[in-house]
Amino acid sequence: MAQQFGNLIASELYCPHCKLAQPVRERLLLVLLDGELYEYVCARCGASLGKRTVTQTDCHKRPQ
């Protein structure tokens, strides 16, 4: 069975500061040997809401 949500990119996440689901911005934190580490940041208040690692095989698939 293929991975259905392997390259899922969040557009909204729950923000505990705003107490609502808010749009998020994806910010590059680190470029690693095997990929890239991104942080999800609340578009309204700037709180960090989560992280996502993109492996090197997925990096070329990432939308520009």
Protein backbone atom coordinates (compact mmCIF):
# COMPACT_ATOMS: atom_id res chain seq x y z
CA MET A 1 0.00 0.00 0.00
CA ALA A 2 1.42 3.41 -1.01
CA GLN A 3 1.85 6.26 1.47
CA GLN A 4 -1.18 8.49 1.05
CA PHE A 5 -0.05 11.41 3.19
CA GLY A 6 3.73 11.24 2.80
CA ASN A 7 4.06 14.80 1.47
CA LEU A 8 1.27 16.47 3.42
CA ILE A 9 1.74 20.24 3.84
CA ALA A 10 -0.47 21.94 6.45
CA SER A 11 -2.37 25.08 5.48
CA GLU A 12 -4.05 25.62 8.89
CA LEU A 13 -3.22 24.38 12.39
CA TYR A 14 -4.73 25.00 15.83
CA CYS A 15 -2.93 27.83 17.64
CA PRO A 16 -3.10 27.66 21.46
CA HIS A 17 -2.42 31.41 21.72
CA CYS A 18 -5.20 32.46 19.31
CA LYS A 19 -7.49 29.61 20.47
CA LEU A 20 -8.51 28.97 16.82
CA ALA A 21 -7.27 27.14 13.76
CA GLN A 22 -5.13 29.69 11.92
CA PRO A 23 -3.33 29.78 8.57
CA VAL A 24 0.33 28.85 8.91
CA ARG A 25 3.54 29.85 7.20
CA GLU A 26 6.25 27.29 6.56
CA ARG A 27 9.71 28.59 7.50
CA LEU A 28 12.98 26.82 6.69
CA LEU A 29 14.90 26.15 9.91
CA LEU A 30 17.81 23.91 8.91
CA VAL A 31 19.31 22.34 5.83
CA LEU A 32 20.39 18.85 6.93
CA LEU A 33 22.55 16.25 5.19
CA ASP A 34 19.50 14.11 4.44
CA GLY A 35 16.90 16.85 3.88
CA GLU A 36 15.41 20.06 5.28
CA LEU A 37 13.69 20.96 8.56
CA TYR A 38 10.72 23.36 8.36
CA GLU A 39 8.75 25.06 11.14
CA TYR A 40 5.05 25.90 10.97
CA VAL A 41 4.39 29.42 12.30
CA CYS A 42 0.98 30.98 13.03
CA ALA A 43 0.30 33.68 10.43
CA ARG A 44 -1.60 35.79 12.99
CA CYS A 45 0.56 35.79 16.15
CA GLY A 46 3.84 34.18 15.02
CA ALA A 47 3.76 31.26 17.48
CA SER A 48 5.60 28.08 16.53
CA LEU A 49 3.00 25.35 15.91
CA GLY A 50 5.02 22.40 14.67
CA LYS A 51 7.87 21.08 12.54
CA ARG A 52 8.19 19.03 9.38
CA THR A 53 11.20 17.24 7.94
CA VAL A 54 11.48 16.84 4.19
CA THR A 55 13.91 14.09 3.17
CA GLN A 56 16.24 14.65 0.26
CA THR A 57 14.19 12.38 -2.01
CA ASP A 58 11.13 14.56 -1.28
CA CYS A 59 12.97 17.90 -1.66
CA HIS A 60 12.77 17.93 -5.45
CA LYS A 61 9.00 17.29 -5.24
CA ARG A 62 8.36 20.33 -3.01
CA PRO A 63 6.30 23.05 -4.77
CA GLN A 64 8.18 26.30 -5.42
